[in-house]
PDB file of N, CA and C in Angstrom:
ATOM      1  N   MET A   1    -125.252 -67.067  28.481  1.00  0.00           N
ATOM      2  CA  MET A   1    -123.827 -67.300  28.022  1.00  0.00           C
ATOM      3  C   MET A   1    -123.780 -66.944  26.512  1.00  0.00           C
ATOM      4  N   ALA A   2    -124.661 -67.545  25.801  1.00  0.00           N
ATOM      5  CA  ALA A   2    -124.765 -67.268  24.355  1.00  0.00           C
ATOM      6  C   ALA A   2    -124.726 -65.901  24.029  1.00  0.00           C
ATOM      7  N   THR A   3    -125.575 -65.011  24.635  1.00  0.00           N
ATOM      8  CA  THR A   3    -125.743 -63.524  24.359  1.00  0.00           C
ATOM      9  C   THR A   3    -124.304 -62.864  24.607  1.00  0.00           C
ATOM     10  N   PHE A   4    -123.563 -63.307  25.845  1.00  0.00           N
ATOM     11  CA  PHE A   4    -122.270 -62.630  26.048  1.00  0.00           C
ATOM     12  C   PHE A   4    -121.312 -63.020  24.924  1.00  0.00           C
ATOM     13  N   VAL A   5    -121.358 -64.378  24.565  1.00  0.00           N
ATOM     14  CA  VAL A   5    -120.434 -64.623  23.319  1.00  0.00           C
ATOM     15  C   VAL A   5    -120.707 -64.054  22.120  1.00  0.00           C
ATOM     16  N   LYS A   6    -121.981 -63.808  21.728  1.00  0.00           N
ATOM     17  CA  LYS A   6    -122.327 -62.927  20.603  1.00  0.00           C
ATOM     18  C   LYS A   6    -121.963 -61.485  20.804  1.00  0.00           C
ATOM     19  N   ALA A   7    -122.231 -60.994  21.900  1.00  0.00           N
ATOM     20  CA  ALA A   7    -121.840 -59.598  22.145  1.00  0.00           C
ATOM     21  C   ALA A   7    -120.334 -59.262  21.790  1.00  0.00           C
ATOM     22  N   GLN A   8    -119.559 -60.249  22.446  1.00  0.00           N
ATOM     23  CA  GLN A   8    -118.222 -60.206  22.261  1.00  0.00           C
ATOM     24  C   GLN A   8    -117.945 -60.348  20.950  1.00  0.00           C
ATOM     25  N   ALA A   9    -118.401 -61.223  19.966  1.00  0.00           N
ATOM     26  CA  ALA A   9    -118.113 -61.451  18.624  1.00  0.00           C
ATOM     27  C   ALA A   9    -118.290 -60.046  17.910  1.00  0.00           C
ATOM     28  N   SER A  10    -119.608 -59.530  18.093  1.00  0.00           N
ATOM     29  CA  SER A  10    -120.024 -58.360  17.539  1.00  0.00           C
ATOM     30  C   SER A  10    -118.917 -57.202  18.101  1.00  0.00           C
ATOM     31  N   SER A  11    -118.640 -57.123  19.209  1.00  0.00           N
ATOM     32  CA  SER A  11    -117.552 -56.266  19.574  1.00  0.00           C
ATOM     33  C   SER A  11    -116.272 -56.331  18.882  1.00  0.00           C
ATOM     34  N   LEU A  12    -115.973 -57.563  18.625  1.00  0.00           N
ATOM     35  CA  LEU A  12    -114.685 -57.794  17.879  1.00  0.00           C
ATOM     36  C   LEU A  12    -114.770 -57.221  16.475  1.00  0.00           C
ATOM     37  N   ILE A  13    -115.989 -57.516  15.857  1.00  0.00           N
ATOM     38  CA  ILE A  13    -116.081 -57.047  14.299  1.00  0.00           C
ATOM     39  C   ILE A  13    -116.088 -55.439  14.406  1.00  0.00           C
ATOM     40  N   ALA A  14    -116.918 -54.916  15.354  1.00  0.00           N
ATOM     41  CA  ALA A  14    -117.031 -53.597  15.527  1.00  0.00           C
ATOM     42  C   ALA A  14    -115.482 -52.789  15.683  1.00  0.00           C
ATOM     43  N   SER A  15    -114.843 -53.594  16.660  1.00  0.00           N
ATOM     44  CA  SER A  15    -113.540 -53.132  17.000  1.00  0.00           C
ATOM     45  C   SER A  15    -112.633 -53.113  15.635  1.00  0.00           C
ATOM     46  N   ALA A  16    -112.568 -54.168  14.905  1.00  0.00           N
ATOM     47  CA  ALA A  16    -111.788 -54.352  13.750  1.00  0.00           C
ATOM     48  C   ALA A  16    -112.040 -53.110  12.741  1.00  0.00           C
ATOM     49  N   LEU A  17    -113.415 -52.901  12.627  1.00  0.00           N
ATOM     50  CA  LEU A  17    -113.618 -51.699  11.681  1.00  0.00           C
ATOM     51  C   LEU A  17    -113.088 -50.302  12.366  1.00  0.00           C
ATOM     52  N   ASP A  18    -113.431 -50.112  13.809  1.00  0.00           N
ATOM     53  CA  ASP A  18    -112.789 -48.961  14.589  1.00  0.00           C
ATOM     54  C   ASP A  18    -111.221 -48.973  14.468  1.00  0.00           C
ATOM     55  N   PHE A  19    -110.650 -49.912  14.599  1.00  0.00           N
ATOM     56  CA  PHE A  19    -109.117 -49.967  14.467  1.00  0.00           C
ATOM     57  C   PHE A  19    -108.541 -49.624  13.122  1.00  0.00           C
ATOM     58  N   LEU A  20    -109.232 -50.287  12.008  1.00  0.00           N
ATOM     59  CA  LEU A  20    -108.868 -49.966  10.565  1.00  0.00           C
ATOM     60  C   LEU A  20    -109.124 -48.517  10.370  1.00  0.00           C
ATOM     61  N   THR A  21    -110.216 -48.133  10.776  1.00  0.00           N
ATOM     62  CA  THR A  21    -110.493 -46.718  10.497  1.00  0.00           C
ATOM     63  C   THR A  21    -109.497 -45.668  11.143  1.00  0.00           C
ATOM     64  N   THR A  22    -109.142 -46.081  12.534  1.00  0.00           N
ATOM     65  CA  THR A  22    -108.174 -45.289  13.217  1.00  0.00           C
ATOM     66  C   THR A  22    -106.807 -45.317  12.496  1.00  0.00           C
ATOM     67  N   ILE A  23    -106.388 -46.361  12.108  1.00  0.00           N
ATOM     68  CA  ILE A  23    -105.065 -46.562  11.593  1.00  0.00           C
ATOM     69  C   ILE A  23    -105.053 -45.870  10.289  1.00  0.00           C
ATOM     70  N   VAL A  24    -105.996 -46.059   9.369  1.00  0.00           N
ATOM     71  CA  VAL A  24    -106.103 -45.280   8.077  1.00  0.00           C
ATOM     72  C   VAL A  24    -106.183 -44.001   8.233  1.00  0.00           C
ATOM     73  N   CYS A  25    -107.033 -43.262   9.045  1.00  0.00           N
ATOM     74  CA  CYS A  25    -106.927 -41.882   9.403  1.00  0.00           C
ATOM     75  C   CYS A  25    -105.650 -41.439   9.836  1.00  0.00           C
ATOM     76  N   LYS A  26    -104.875 -42.114  10.778  1.00  0.00           N
ATOM     77  CA  LYS A  26    -103.637 -41.600  11.288  1.00  0.00           C
ATOM     78  C   LYS A  26    -102.578 -41.703  10.193  1.00  0.00           C
ATOM     79  N   GLU A  27    -102.408 -43.046   9.848  1.00  0.00           N
ATOM     80  CA  GLU A  27    -101.095 -43.400   8.895  1.00  0.00           C
ATOM     81  C   GLU A  27    -101.289 -42.884   7.484  1.00  0.00           C
ATOM     82  N   ILE A  28    -102.437 -42.760   7.028  1.00  0.00           N
ATOM     83  CA  ILE A  28    -102.648 -42.488   5.408  1.00  0.00           C
ATOM     84  C   ILE A  28    -102.923 -41.099   5.442  1.00  0.00           C
ATOM     85  N   PHE A  29    -103.954 -40.616   6.212  1.00  0.00           N
ATOM     86  CA  PHE A  29    -104.470 -39.198   6.075  1.00  0.00           C
ATOM     87  C   PHE A  29    -103.780 -38.331   7.080  1.00  0.00           C
ATOM     88  N   HIS A  30    -102.845 -38.753   7.932  1.00  0.00           N
ATOM     89  CA  HIS A  30    -102.099 -38.006   8.896  1.00  0.00           C
ATOM     90  C   HIS A  30    -103.087 -37.212   9.902  1.00  0.00           C
ATOM     91  N   VAL A  31    -104.199 -37.725  10.406  1.00  0.00           N
ATOM     92  CA  VAL A  31    -105.146 -36.973  11.416  1.00  0.00           C
ATOM     93  C   VAL A  31    -104.418 -37.308  12.634  1.00  0.00           C
ATOM     94  N   TRP A  32    -104.520 -36.413  13.488  1.00  0.00           N
ATOM     95  CA  TRP A  32    -104.116 -36.590  14.908  1.00  0.00           C
ATOM     96  C   TRP A  32    -104.628 -37.702  15.443  1.00  0.00           C
ATOM     97  N   TYR A  33    -103.649 -38.443  16.287  1.00  0.00           N
ATOM     98  CA  TYR A  33    -104.272 -39.750  16.809  1.00  0.00           C
ATOM     99  C   TYR A  33    -105.472 -39.660  17.710  1.00  0.00           C
ATOM    100  N   VAL A  34    -105.552 -38.694  18.355  1.00  0.00           N
ATOM    101  CA  VAL A  34    -106.957 -38.651  19.275  1.00  0.00           C
ATOM    102  C   VAL A  34    -108.133 -38.386  18.328  1.00  0.00           C
ATOM    103  N   ALA A  35    -107.923 -37.563  17.229  1.00  0.00           N
ATOM    104  CA  ALA A  35    -109.073 -37.435  16.398  1.00  0.00           C
ATOM    105  C   ALA A  35    -109.347 -38.604  15.592  1.00  0.00           C
ATOM    106  N   ALA A  36    -108.242 -39.263  15.131  1.00  0.00           N
ATOM    107  CA  ALA A  36    -108.397 -40.616  14.402  1.00  0.00           C
ATOM    108  C   ALA A  36    -109.022 -41.448  15.238  1.00  0.00           C
ATOM    109  N   ASN A  37    -108.593 -41.694  16.500  1.00  0.00           N
ATOM    110  CA  ASN A  37    -109.507 -42.647  17.528  1.00  0.00           C
ATOM    111  C   ASN A  37    -111.031 -42.183  17.531  1.00  0.00           C
ATOM    112  N   LEU A  38    -111.240 -41.109  17.823  1.00  0.00           N
ATOM    113  CA  LEU A  38    -112.683 -40.698  17.740  1.00  0.00           C
ATOM    114  C   LEU A  38    -113.401 -41.174  16.425  1.00  0.00           C
ATOM    115  N   ILE A  39    -112.751 -40.801  15.442  1.00  0.00           N
ATOM    116  CA  ILE A  39    -113.562 -41.140  14.128  1.00  0.00           C
ATOM    117  C   ILE A  39    -113.606 -42.679  14.008  1.00  0.00           C
ATOM    118  N   GLY A  40    -112.674 -43.391  14.413  1.00  0.00           N
ATOM    119  CA  GLY A  40    -112.820 -44.946  14.544  1.00  0.00           C
ATOM    120  C   GLY A  40    -113.913 -45.352  15.586  1.00  0.00           C
ATOM    121  N   THR A  41    -113.779 -44.713  16.605  1.00  0.00           N
ATOM    122  CA  THR A  41    -115.020 -44.894  17.700  1.00  0.00           C
ATOM    123  C   THR A  41    -116.359 -44.746  17.035  1.00  0.00           C
ATOM    124  N   VAL A  42    -116.489 -43.727  16.302  1.00  0.00           N
ATOM    125  CA  VAL A  42    -117.807 -43.450  15.508  1.00  0.00           C
ATOM    126  C   VAL A  42    -118.192 -44.590  14.760  1.00  0.00           C
ATOM    127  N   VAL A  43    -117.262 -45.097  13.784  1.00  0.00           N
ATOM    128  CA  VAL A  43    -117.429 -46.080  12.848  1.00  0.00           C
ATOM    129  C   VAL A  43    -117.747 -47.366  13.510  1.00  0.00           C
ATOM    130  N   GLY A  44    -117.022 -47.647  14.651  1.00  0.00           N
ATOM    131  CA  GLY A  44    -117.231 -48.872  15.362  1.00  0.00           C
ATOM    132  C   GLY A  44    -118.471 -48.828  16.104  1.00  0.00           C
ATOM    133  N   GLY A  45    -118.924 -47.867  16.613  1.00  0.00           N
ATOM    134  CA  GLY A  45    -120.101 -47.618  17.375  1.00  0.00           C
ATOM    135  C   GLY A  45    -121.377 -47.954  16.571  1.00  0.00           C
ATOM    136  N   ILE A  46    -121.316 -47.458  15.159  1.00  0.00           N
ATOM    137  CA  ILE A  46    -122.387 -47.484  14.397  1.00  0.00           C
ATOM    138  C   ILE A  46    -122.478 -49.075  13.791  1.00  0.00           C
ATOM    139  N   ALA A  47    -121.344 -49.522  13.697  1.00  0.00           N
ATOM    140  CA  ALA A  47    -121.450 -51.150  13.440  1.00  0.00           C
ATOM    141  C   ALA A  47    -121.964 -51.893  14.518  1.00  0.00           C
ATOM    142  N   ASN A  48    -121.472 -51.697  15.740  1.00  0.00           N
ATOM    143  CA  ASN A  48    -121.833 -52.360  16.967  1.00  0.00           C
ATOM    144  C   ASN A  48    -123.329 -52.216  17.222  1.00  0.00           C
ATOM    145  N   PHE A  49    -123.889 -51.083  17.126  1.00  0.00           N
ATOM    146  CA  PHE A  49    -125.380 -50.814  17.403  1.00  0.00           C
ATOM    147  C   PHE A  49    -126.093 -51.777  16.445  1.00  0.00           C
ATOM    148  N   MET A  50    -125.783 -51.751  15.175  1.00  0.00           N
ATOM    149  CA  MET A  50    -126.424 -52.584  14.201  1.00  0.00           C
ATOM    150  C   MET A  50    -126.346 -54.002  14.496  1.00  0.00           C
ATOM    151  N   LEU A  51    -125.181 -54.506  14.733  1.00  0.00           N
ATOM    152  CA  LEU A  51    -125.057 -55.794  15.227  1.00  0.00           C
ATOM    153  C   LEU A  51    -125.752 -56.233  16.370  1.00  0.00           C
ATOM    154  N   GLY A  52    -125.532 -55.454  17.289  1.00  0.00           N
ATOM    155  CA  GLY A  52    -126.256 -55.685  18.759  1.00  0.00           C
ATOM    156  C   GLY A  52    -127.666 -55.782  18.629  1.00  0.00           C
ATOM    157  N   ARG A  53    -128.195 -54.691  18.005  1.00  0.00           N
ATOM    158  CA  ARG A  53    -129.674 -54.693  17.711  1.00  0.00           C
ATOM    159  C   ARG A  53    -130.132 -56.020  17.044  1.00  0.00           C
ATOM    160  N   VAL A  54    -129.770 -56.266  15.945  1.00  0.00           N
ATOM    161  CA  VAL A  54    -130.279 -57.376  15.048  1.00  0.00           C
ATOM    162  C   VAL A  54    -129.767 -58.806  15.390  1.00  0.00           C
ATOM    163  N   TRP A  55    -128.560 -58.999  15.673  1.00  0.00           N
ATOM    164  CA  TRP A  55    -128.052 -60.218  16.065  1.00  0.00           C
ATOM    165  C   TRP A  55    -127.853 -60.527  17.306  1.00  0.00           C
ATOM    166  N   VAL A  56    -127.323 -59.706  18.292  1.00  0.00           N
ATOM    167  CA  VAL A  56    -127.184 -60.069  19.554  1.00  0.00           C
ATOM    168  C   VAL A  56    -128.257 -60.019  20.517  1.00  0.00           C
ATOM    169  N   PHE A  57    -128.947 -58.787  20.525  1.00  0.00           N
ATOM    170  CA  PHE A  57    -130.173 -58.643  21.486  1.00  0.00           C
ATOM    171  C   PHE A  57    -131.499 -58.803  20.796  1.00  0.00           C
ATOM    172  N   HIS A  58    -131.572 -58.959  19.469  1.00  0.00           N
ATOM    173  CA  HIS A  58    -132.835 -59.027  18.790  1.00  0.00           C
ATOM    174  C   HIS A  58    -133.701 -57.976  19.016  1.00  0.00           C
ATOM    175  N   GLY A  59    -133.390 -56.733  18.683  1.00  0.00           N
ATOM    176  CA  GLY A  59    -134.365 -55.660  19.014  1.00  0.00           C
ATOM    177  C   GLY A  59    -135.794 -55.651  18.110  1.00  0.00           C
ATOM    178  N   GLU A  60    -136.685 -55.038  18.646  1.00  0.00           N
ATOM    179  CA  GLU A  60    -138.016 -54.990  17.860  1.00  0.00           C
ATOM    180  C   GLU A  60    -137.847 -53.810  17.062  1.00  0.00           C
ATOM    181  N   SER A  61    -138.330 -53.639  15.827  1.00  0.00           N
ATOM    182  CA  SER A  61    -138.401 -52.654  14.947  1.00  0.00           C
ATOM    183  C   SER A  61    -139.088 -51.322  15.547  1.00  0.00           C
ATOM    184  N   LYS A  62    -140.030 -51.720  16.237  1.00  0.00           N
ATOM    185  CA  LYS A  62    -140.941 -50.288  16.856  1.00  0.00           C
ATOM    186  C   LYS A  62    -140.122 -49.688  17.742  1.00  0.00           C
ATOM    187  N   GLY A  63    -139.127 -50.288  18.530  1.00  0.00           N
ATOM    188  CA  GLY A  63    -138.400 -49.523  19.563  1.00  0.00           C
ATOM    189  C   GLY A  63    -137.188 -49.078  19.056  1.00  0.00           C
ATOM    190  N   MET A  64    -136.852 -48.919  17.886  1.00  0.00           N
ATOM    191  CA  MET A  64    -135.645 -48.471  17.218  1.00  0.00           C
ATOM    192  C   MET A  64    -135.314 -47.179  17.765  1.00  0.00           C
ATOM    193  N   PRO A  65    -136.168 -46.035  17.612  1.00  0.00           N
ATOM    194  CA  PRO A  65    -135.864 -44.714  17.991  1.00  0.00           C
ATOM    195  C   PRO A  65    -135.113 -44.515  19.433  1.00  0.00           C
ATOM    196  N   LYS A  66    -136.025 -45.422  20.223  1.00  0.00           N
ATOM    197  CA  LYS A  66    -135.624 -45.365  21.719  1.00  0.00           C
ATOM    198  C   LYS A  66    -134.337 -45.988  21.952  1.00  0.00           C
ATOM    199  N   GLN A  67    -133.957 -47.054  21.157  1.00  0.00           N
ATOM    200  CA  GLN A  67    -132.789 -47.718  21.438  1.00  0.00           C
ATOM    201  C   GLN A  67    -131.644 -46.956  20.791  1.00  0.00           C
ATOM    202  N   ILE A  68    -131.907 -46.283  19.721  1.00  0.00           N
ATOM    203  CA  ILE A  68    -130.882 -45.318  19.166  1.00  0.00           C
ATOM    204  C   ILE A  68    -130.517 -44.305  20.129  1.00  0.00           C
ATOM    205  N   LEU A  69    -131.493 -43.721  20.866  1.00  0.00           N
ATOM    206  CA  LEU A  69    -131.393 -42.719  21.832  1.00  0.00           C
ATOM    207  C   LEU A  69    -130.417 -43.284  22.914  1.00  0.00           C
ATOM    208  N   LYS A  70    -130.948 -44.286  23.541  1.00  0.00           N
ATOM    209  CA  LYS A  70    -130.189 -44.962  24.636  1.00  0.00           C
ATOM    210  C   LYS A  70    -128.766 -45.228  24.213  1.00  0.00           C
ATOM    211  N   TYR A  71    -128.608 -45.966  22.987  1.00  0.00           N
ATOM    212  CA  TYR A  71    -127.352 -46.250  22.528  1.00  0.00           C
ATOM    213  C   TYR A  71    -126.399 -44.982  22.394  1.00  0.00           C
ATOM    214  N   VAL A  72    -126.767 -44.067  21.910  1.00  0.00           N
ATOM    215  CA  VAL A  72    -126.086 -42.627  21.866  1.00  0.00           C
ATOM    216  C   VAL A  72    -125.669 -42.078  23.125  1.00  0.00           C
ATOM    217  N   ILE A  73    -126.388 -42.223  24.050  1.00  0.00           N
ATOM    218  CA  ILE A  73    -126.037 -41.947  25.430  1.00  0.00           C
ATOM    219  C   ILE A  73    -124.913 -42.871  25.994  1.00  0.00           C
ATOM    220  N   VAL A  74    -125.208 -44.221  25.989  1.00  0.00           N
ATOM    221  CA  VAL A  74    -124.118 -45.099  26.305  1.00  0.00           C
ATOM    222  C   VAL A  74    -122.873 -44.870  25.526  1.00  0.00           C
ATOM    223  N   TRP A  75    -122.974 -44.780  24.151  1.00  0.00           N
ATOM    224  CA  TRP A  75    -121.980 -44.695  23.121  1.00  0.00           C
ATOM    225  C   TRP A  75    -120.982 -43.234  23.486  1.00  0.00           C
ATOM    226  N   GLY A  76    -121.919 -42.281  23.977  1.00  0.00           N
ATOM    227  CA  GLY A  76    -121.142 -40.925  24.219  1.00  0.00           C
ATOM    228  C   GLY A  76    -120.067 -41.296  25.441  1.00  0.00           C
ATOM    229  N   GLY A  77    -120.708 -42.051  26.587  1.00  0.00           N
ATOM    230  CA  GLY A  77    -119.520 -42.349  27.504  1.00  0.00           C
ATOM    231  C   GLY A  77    -118.457 -43.247  27.002  1.00  0.00           C
ATOM    232  N   ASN A  78    -118.784 -44.359  26.050  1.00  0.00           N
ATOM    233  CA  ASN A  78    -117.835 -44.994  25.466  1.00  0.00           C
ATOM    234  C   ASN A  78    -116.803 -44.211  24.754  1.00  0.00           C
ATOM    235  N   ALA A  79    -117.276 -43.283  23.925  1.00  0.00           N
ATOM    236  CA  ALA A  79    -116.361 -42.437  23.113  1.00  0.00           C
ATOM    237  C   ALA A  79    -115.481 -41.626  24.121  1.00  0.00           C
ATOM    238  N   PHE A  80    -115.883 -41.054  25.206  1.00  0.00           N
ATOM    239  CA  PHE A  80    -115.228 -40.396  26.156  1.00  0.00           C
ATOM    240  C   PHE A  80    -114.202 -41.213  26.789  1.00  0.00           C
ATOM    241  N   LEU A  81    -114.698 -42.393  27.272  1.00  0.00           N
ATOM    242  CA  LEU A  81    -113.722 -43.240  27.826  1.00  0.00           C
ATOM    243  C   LEU A  81    -112.646 -43.757  26.964  1.00  0.00           C
ATOM    244  N   ASN A  82    -112.829 -44.131  25.959  1.00  0.00           N
ATOM    245  CA  ASN A  82    -111.962 -44.507  24.781  1.00  0.00           C
ATOM    246  C   ASN A  82    -110.950 -43.520  24.459  1.00  0.00           C
ATOM    247  N   THR A  83    -111.630 -42.335  23.982  1.00  0.00           N
ATOM    248  CA  THR A  83    -110.647 -41.249  23.615  1.00  0.00           C
ATOM    249  C   THR A  83    -109.772 -40.729  24.576  1.00  0.00           C
ATOM    250  N   SER A  84    -110.338 -40.472  25.774  1.00  0.00           N
ATOM    251  CA  SER A  84    -109.436 -39.846  26.793  1.00  0.00           C
ATOM    252  C   SER A  84    -108.535 -41.056  27.307  1.00  0.00           C
ATOM    253  N   GLY A  85    -108.938 -42.238  27.455  1.00  0.00           N
ATOM    254  CA  GLY A  85    -108.101 -43.263  27.724  1.00  0.00           C
ATOM    255  C   GLY A  85    -106.813 -43.457  26.863  1.00  0.00           C
ATOM    256  N   VAL A  86    -107.049 -43.372  25.532  1.00  0.00           N
ATOM    257  CA  VAL A  86    -106.136 -43.497  24.590  1.00  0.00           C
ATOM    258  C   VAL A  86    -105.143 -42.299  24.691  1.00  0.00           C
ATOM    259  N   PHE A  87    -105.638 -41.062  24.900  1.00  0.00           N
ATOM    260  CA  PHE A  87    -104.737 -39.851  25.008  1.00  0.00           C
ATOM    261  C   PHE A  87    -103.949 -40.030  26.328  1.00  0.00           C
ATOM    262  N   LEU A  88    -104.628 -40.469  27.368  1.00  0.00           N
ATOM    263  CA  LEU A  88    -103.843 -40.496  28.591  1.00  0.00           C
ATOM    264  C   LEU A  88    -102.696 -41.592  28.639  1.00  0.00           C
ATOM    265  N   VAL A  89    -103.146 -42.717  28.200  1.00  0.00           N
ATOM    266  CA  VAL A  89    -102.191 -43.942  28.213  1.00  0.00           C
ATOM    267  C   VAL A  89    -101.105 -43.685  27.264  1.00  0.00           C
ATOM    268  N   THR A  90    -101.324 -43.088  26.115  1.00  0.00           N
ATOM    269  CA  THR A  90    -100.204 -42.836  24.961  1.00  0.00           C
ATOM    270  C   THR A  90     -99.427 -41.630  25.480  1.00  0.00           C
ATOM    271  N   HIS A  91     -99.953 -40.525  25.974  1.00  0.00           N
ATOM    272  CA  HIS A  91     -99.222 -39.358  26.464  1.00  0.00           C
ATOM    273  C   HIS A  91     -98.283 -39.474  27.858  1.00  0.00           C
ATOM    274  N   TYR A  92     -99.073 -40.081  28.728  1.00  0.00           N
ATOM    275  CA  TYR A  92     -98.323 -40.317  30.052  1.00  0.00           C
ATOM    276  C   TYR A  92     -97.419 -41.592  30.062  1.00  0.00           C
ATOM    277  N   PHE A  93     -97.884 -42.655  29.326  1.00  0.00           N
ATOM    278  CA  PHE A  93     -97.123 -44.009  29.410  1.00  0.00           C
ATOM    279  C   PHE A  93     -96.097 -44.170  28.202  1.00  0.00           C
ATOM    280  N   GLY A  94     -96.245 -43.222  27.301  1.00  0.00           N
ATOM    281  CA  GLY A  94     -95.499 -43.291  26.108  1.00  0.00           C
ATOM    282  C   GLY A  94     -95.534 -44.534  25.241  1.00  0.00           C
ATOM    283  N   LEU A  95     -96.658 -45.207  25.306  1.00  0.00           N
ATOM    284  CA  LEU A  95     -97.062 -46.292  24.522  1.00  0.00           C
ATOM    285  C   LEU A  95     -97.456 -45.790  22.996  1.00  0.00           C
ATOM    286  N   SER A  96     -97.384 -46.602  22.063  1.00  0.00           N
ATOM    287  CA  SER A  96     -98.027 -46.395  20.808  1.00  0.00           C
ATOM    288  C   SER A  96     -99.506 -46.269  20.895  1.00  0.00           C
ATOM    289  N   TYR A  97    -100.152 -45.314  20.070  1.00  0.00           N
ATOM    290  CA  TYR A  97    -101.545 -45.117  20.182  1.00  0.00           C
ATOM    291  C   TYR A  97    -102.193 -46.333  19.833  1.00  0.00           C
ATOM    292  N   ILE A  98    -101.532 -47.240  19.174  1.00  0.00           N
ATOM    293  CA  ILE A  98    -102.406 -48.636  18.815  1.00  0.00           C
ATOM    294  C   ILE A  98    -102.477 -49.512  20.114  1.00  0.00           C
ATOM    295  N   ILE A  99    -101.275 -49.655  20.902  1.00  0.00           N
ATOM    296  CA  ILE A  99    -101.305 -50.411  21.919  1.00  0.00           C
ATOM    297  C   ILE A  99    -102.116 -49.706  22.780  1.00  0.00           C
ATOM    298  N   SER A 100    -102.256 -48.471  23.066  1.00  0.00           N
ATOM    299  CA  SER A 100    -103.018 -47.723  23.993  1.00  0.00           C
ATOM    300  C   SER A 100    -104.451 -48.187  23.692  1.00  0.00           C
ATOM    301  N   LYS A 101    -104.725 -48.180  22.245  1.00  0.00           N
ATOM    302  CA  LYS A 101    -106.304 -48.306  21.907  1.00  0.00           C
ATOM    303  C   LYS A 101    -106.611 -49.561  22.253  1.00  0.00           C
ATOM    304  N   VAL A 102    -105.731 -50.753  21.995  1.00  0.00           N
ATOM    305  CA  VAL A 102    -106.034 -51.976  22.443  1.00  0.00           C
ATOM    306  C   VAL A 102    -106.482 -52.170  23.866  1.00  0.00           C
ATOM    307  N   VAL A 103    -105.431 -51.777  24.707  1.00  0.00           N
ATOM    308  CA  VAL A 103    -105.699 -51.895  26.249  1.00  0.00           C
ATOM    309  C   VAL A 103    -106.960 -51.077  26.754  1.00  0.00           C
ATOM    310  N   VAL A 104    -107.069 -49.850  26.357  1.00  0.00           N
ATOM    311  CA  VAL A 104    -108.431 -49.098  26.533  1.00  0.00           C
ATOM    312  C   VAL A 104    -109.668 -49.935  26.235  1.00  0.00           C
ATOM    313  N   SER A 105    -109.655 -50.375  24.901  1.00  0.00           N
ATOM    314  CA  SER A 105    -110.753 -50.950  24.261  1.00  0.00           C
ATOM    315  C   SER A 105    -111.275 -52.061  25.023  1.00  0.00           C
ATOM    316  N   LEU A 106    -110.131 -52.873  25.441  1.00  0.00           N
ATOM    317  CA  LEU A 106    -110.311 -54.053  26.058  1.00  0.00           C
ATOM    318  C   LEU A 106    -111.204 -53.845  27.491  1.00  0.00           C
ATOM    319  N   ILE A 107    -110.516 -52.991  28.244  1.00  0.00           N
ATOM    320  CA  ILE A 107    -111.139 -52.338  29.455  1.00  0.00           C
ATOM    321  C   ILE A 107    -112.427 -51.918  29.382  1.00  0.00           C
ATOM    322  N   VAL A 108    -112.705 -50.808  28.483  1.00  0.00           N
ATOM    323  CA  VAL A 108    -113.975 -50.278  28.449  1.00  0.00           C
ATOM    324  C   VAL A 108    -115.148 -51.413  27.799  1.00  0.00           C
ATOM    325  N   GLY A 109    -114.593 -52.130  27.029  1.00  0.00           N
ATOM    326  CA  GLY A 109    -115.557 -53.039  26.378  1.00  0.00           C
ATOM    327  C   GLY A 109    -116.194 -54.080  27.300  1.00  0.00           C
ATOM    328  N   VAL A 110    -115.375 -54.541  28.218  1.00  0.00           N
ATOM    329  CA  VAL A 110    -115.937 -55.581  28.889  1.00  0.00           C
ATOM    330  C   VAL A 110    -116.356 -54.871  30.250  1.00  0.00           C
ATOM    331  N   THR A 111    -115.899 -53.911  30.825  1.00  0.00           N
ATOM    332  CA  THR A 111    -116.471 -53.304  32.039  1.00  0.00           C
ATOM    333  C   THR A 111    -117.713 -52.215  31.683  1.00  0.00           C
ATOM    334  N   TYR A 112    -117.713 -51.607  30.644  1.00  0.00           N
ATOM    335  CA  TYR A 112    -118.692 -50.667  30.357  1.00  0.00           C
ATOM    336  C   TYR A 112    -119.817 -51.060  29.296  1.00  0.00           C
ATOM    337  N   ASN A 113    -119.348 -51.551  28.095  1.00  0.00           N
ATOM    338  CA  ASN A 113    -120.260 -51.555  26.856  1.00  0.00           C
ATOM    339  C   ASN A 113    -121.271 -52.775  27.275  1.00  0.00           C
ATOM    340  N   TYR A 114    -120.868 -53.915  27.547  1.00  0.00           N
ATOM    341  CA  TYR A 114    -121.605 -55.105  27.406  1.00  0.00           C
ATOM    342  C   TYR A 114    -122.808 -54.883  28.439  1.00  0.00           C
ATOM    343  N   PHE A 115    -122.480 -54.477  29.597  1.00  0.00           N
ATOM    344  CA  PHE A 115    -123.522 -54.380  30.733  1.00  0.00           C
ATOM    345  C   PHE A 115    -124.557 -53.299  30.529  1.00  0.00           C
ATOM    346  N   LEU A 116    -124.139 -52.213  29.922  1.00  0.00           N
ATOM    347  CA  LEU A 116    -125.007 -51.082  29.717  1.00  0.00           C
ATOM    348  C   LEU A 116    -125.989 -51.414  28.422  1.00  0.00           C
ATOM    349  N   GLN A 117    -125.257 -52.145  27.439  1.00  0.00           N
ATOM    350  CA  GLN A 117    -126.194 -52.505  26.287  1.00  0.00           C
ATOM    351  C   GLN A 117    -127.179 -53.513  26.678  1.00  0.00           C
ATOM    352  N   LYS A 118    -126.808 -54.713  27.422  1.00  0.00           N
ATOM    353  CA  LYS A 118    -127.602 -55.593  27.751  1.00  0.00           C
ATOM    354  C   LYS A 118    -128.819 -55.161  28.613  1.00  0.00           C
ATOM    355  N   LYS A 119    -128.498 -54.462  29.728  1.00  0.00           N
ATOM    356  CA  LYS A 119    -129.486 -53.871  30.785  1.00  0.00           C
ATOM    357  C   LYS A 119    -130.144 -52.560  30.499  1.00  0.00           C
ATOM    358  N   PHE A 120    -129.587 -51.861  29.600  1.00  0.00           N
ATOM    359  CA  PHE A 120    -130.255 -50.560  29.388  1.00  0.00           C
ATOM    360  C   PHE A 120    -130.670 -50.355  27.919  1.00  0.00           C
ATOM    361  N   VAL A 121    -129.888 -50.369  27.007  1.00  0.00           N
ATOM    362  CA  VAL A 121    -130.073 -50.029  25.559  1.00  0.00           C
ATOM    363  C   VAL A 121    -131.086 -51.031  25.011  1.00  0.00           C
ATOM    364  N   PHE A 122    -130.715 -52.332  25.148  1.00  0.00           N
ATOM    365  CA  PHE A 122    -131.589 -53.460  24.398  1.00  0.00           C
ATOM    366  C   PHE A 122    -132.526 -54.219  25.412  1.00  0.00           C
ATOM    367  N   ALA A 123    -132.666 -53.711  26.608  1.00  0.00           N
ATOM    368  CA  ALA A 123    -133.491 -54.399  27.609  1.00  0.00           C
ATOM    369  C   ALA A 123    -135.039 -54.275  27.099  1.00  0.00           C
TER     370      ALA A 123
END
């Protein structure tokens, strides 16, 4: 249970960086919301890997290249699910990209990220 709680805290920190990056890209630099979402997802993904590896799952230094490869595979699916989900929810339901991002991030984070990181990336 402690691992799940730490994983959710790590996800929350990474999500804050993701959202901040997305909003800055969209609102300040006027990047298209789908591209801004992808940039935010990259920033959040890097933060989540580092936190997950060091704090949540306590990865060994000798296995880092293998973990990076596994993480990139899982993160690719995460990026696809988040980016396409934000586009679909924003475009077809007419919601703000921020609300869409919150909804999609929560669904993907709980149903996809935690389990694959625990069982595949950092196993």
